[in-house]
Each structure stands twice: as structure tokens, then as C-alpha cells.
Amino acid sequence: MRKRRGSLSSPFAYCLVAMVSGRTYRVVNLHYREAFLELAIRVLGSGRVQVQGKWSKRLRTVPVKDIKGENVPLQASGSAWQFEGENHQRYFIHTVGASEI
């Protein structure tokens, strides 16, 4: 496993990991404004993943879109949310409530 450091907008921020089916990979303390995000990516197999997130404050995740701009089905309850998608694809997560924190 190779680790590189940088900001989230940096191409060096990503870790190259061979993801194993059935395992869950976590990233914690992702900072956004005054909130933090805990992220869990569970590898489902057949190139699919389940992405789960939870915000530390009042932020809420609303529509998730894929790279084509199409909505991805999202299950959300309060500050927790999850969706399924294809591994190695980009998803755009939209939030609301940032002005309240």
C-alpha cells in the first residue's frame, strides 16, 4: 500500500489500495467547514461498493450524482446516509445545512 499526503483537492491525496470483497474501509475526520465526515466503503464484489457517511454536525447529504450527472439512489436519516455504486467511479455528494453551523 502506498500512502501520499496532500489536500483533498490534490492528486496526491489518494491511497492506492487493492480493495478486497467483503471488507470495509474507513476514512474518518474529513473536515468540511465546521463539520467532520466519517466515511465507510464496503466492497460488495462484482465491482460494486456501498458508501456510508455520517456528518458530525447539522450537515445533511442530499442528491448524490454520478459522473454523468444522474441521481444515485440515496438512503438518508438525519446526518447519516448511504448509497451503492460502482468501484473506482466518482460521485458528487451535495450537502445542505452548512450555513447553520
Protein backbone atom coordinates (compact mmCIF):
# COMPACT_ATOMS: atom_id res chain seq x y z
CA MET A 1 0.00 0.00 0.00
CA ARG A 2 1.31 3.44 -0.93
CA LYS A 3 0.23 6.49 1.02
CA ARG A 4 0.56 10.05 -0.15
CA ARG A 5 -0.37 13.20 1.68
CA GLY A 6 -1.95 16.37 0.44
CA SER A 7 -5.18 18.32 0.48
CA LEU A 8 -8.39 16.66 -0.68
CA SER A 9 -8.11 18.59 -3.95
CA SER A 10 -4.59 17.34 -4.54
CA PRO A 11 -3.99 14.35 -6.84
CA PHE A 12 -1.61 13.06 -4.16
CA ALA A 13 -4.39 12.74 -1.55
CA TYR A 14 -5.41 9.28 -2.68
CA CYS A 15 -4.16 5.95 -1.33
CA LEU A 16 -3.70 3.12 -3.78
CA VAL A 17 -5.15 0.03 -2.15
CA ALA A 18 -6.26 -3.31 -3.57
CA MET A 19 -9.78 -3.44 -2.15
CA VAL A 20 -10.95 -6.89 -1.02
CA SER A 21 -14.55 -8.05 -1.45
CA GLY A 22 -16.39 -8.21 1.88
CA ARG A 23 -14.11 -5.75 3.66
CA THR A 24 -14.96 -2.26 4.86
CA TYR A 25 -12.51 0.62 4.52
CA ARG A 26 -12.94 3.73 6.67
CA VAL A 27 -11.83 7.32 6.44
CA VAL A 28 -12.52 9.50 9.48
CA ASN A 29 -12.18 13.17 10.33
CA LEU A 30 -12.64 14.54 6.82
CA HIS A 31 -13.03 18.24 7.55
CA TYR A 32 -15.61 20.39 5.72
CA ARG A 33 -16.34 23.86 7.12
CA GLU A 34 -17.06 23.31 10.82
CA ALA A 35 -18.11 19.66 10.40
CA PHE A 36 -16.37 16.32 10.05
CA LEU A 37 -17.34 13.36 7.91
CA GLU A 38 -16.87 9.69 8.76
CA LEU A 39 -16.85 7.60 5.61
CA ALA A 40 -17.06 3.81 5.23
CA ILE A 41 -16.72 2.00 1.91
CA ARG A 42 -17.81 -1.64 1.92
CA VAL A 43 -16.73 -3.72 -1.06
CA LEU A 44 -19.70 -5.79 -2.25
CA GLY A 45 -18.00 -7.68 -5.07
CA SER A 46 -18.57 -7.60 -8.84
CA GLY A 47 -17.11 -4.09 -8.92
CA ARG A 48 -19.77 -2.68 -6.56
CA VAL A 49 -19.35 -0.75 -3.31
CA GLN A 50 -21.63 0.57 -0.60
CA VAL A 51 -20.68 4.05 0.63
CA GLN A 52 -21.85 5.11 4.09
CA GLY A 53 -21.29 8.51 5.65
CA LYS A 54 -22.14 10.42 8.79
CA TRP A 55 -21.69 14.13 9.44
CA SER A 56 -20.68 15.38 12.90
CA LYS A 57 -22.94 18.44 12.80
CA ARG A 58 -26.10 19.63 11.07
CA LEU A 59 -24.96 18.97 7.54
CA ARG A 60 -27.24 16.74 5.52
CA THR A 61 -26.44 14.89 2.34
CA VAL A 62 -28.97 15.40 -0.43
CA PRO A 63 -28.78 14.17 -4.02
CA VAL A 64 -25.73 12.13 -4.93
CA LYS A 65 -24.86 12.25 -8.62
CA ASP A 66 -22.63 10.07 -10.73
CA ILE A 67 -20.09 11.35 -13.25
CA LYS A 68 -22.84 11.63 -15.91
CA GLY A 69 -24.87 13.91 -13.62
CA GLU A 70 -27.56 11.31 -12.97
CA ASN A 71 -29.04 10.87 -9.49
CA VAL A 72 -27.88 7.85 -7.50
CA PRO A 73 -30.46 6.32 -5.11
CA LEU A 74 -29.66 7.61 -1.63
CA GLN A 75 -30.90 6.41 1.74
CA ALA A 76 -30.59 9.07 4.43
CA SER A 77 -31.67 9.57 8.02
CA GLY A 78 -30.56 12.73 9.79
CA SER A 79 -26.82 13.15 9.39
CA ALA A 80 -26.27 9.52 8.24
CA TRP A 81 -26.59 8.40 4.62
CA GLN A 82 -25.61 5.60 2.23
CA PHE A 83 -25.69 4.61 -1.41
CA GLU A 84 -24.37 1.86 -3.66
CA GLY A 85 -22.29 2.40 -6.75
CA GLU A 86 -19.50 1.13 -8.93
CA ASN A 87 -15.98 0.91 -7.52
CA HIS A 88 -13.43 3.39 -8.95
CA GLN A 89 -16.12 5.84 -10.05
CA ARG A 90 -16.55 9.46 -8.96
CA TYR A 91 -19.69 10.56 -7.15
CA PHE A 92 -20.68 14.10 -6.30
CA ILE A 93 -22.21 14.47 -2.84
CA HIS A 94 -24.34 17.57 -2.33
CA THR A 95 -24.94 18.91 1.18
CA VAL A 96 -27.31 21.33 2.87
CA GLY A 97 -27.17 23.00 6.25
CA ALA A 98 -23.64 24.42 6.10
CA SER A 99 -24.87 27.95 6.79
CA GLU A 100 -26.45 26.77 10.05
CA ILE A 101 -23.23 25.53 11.67
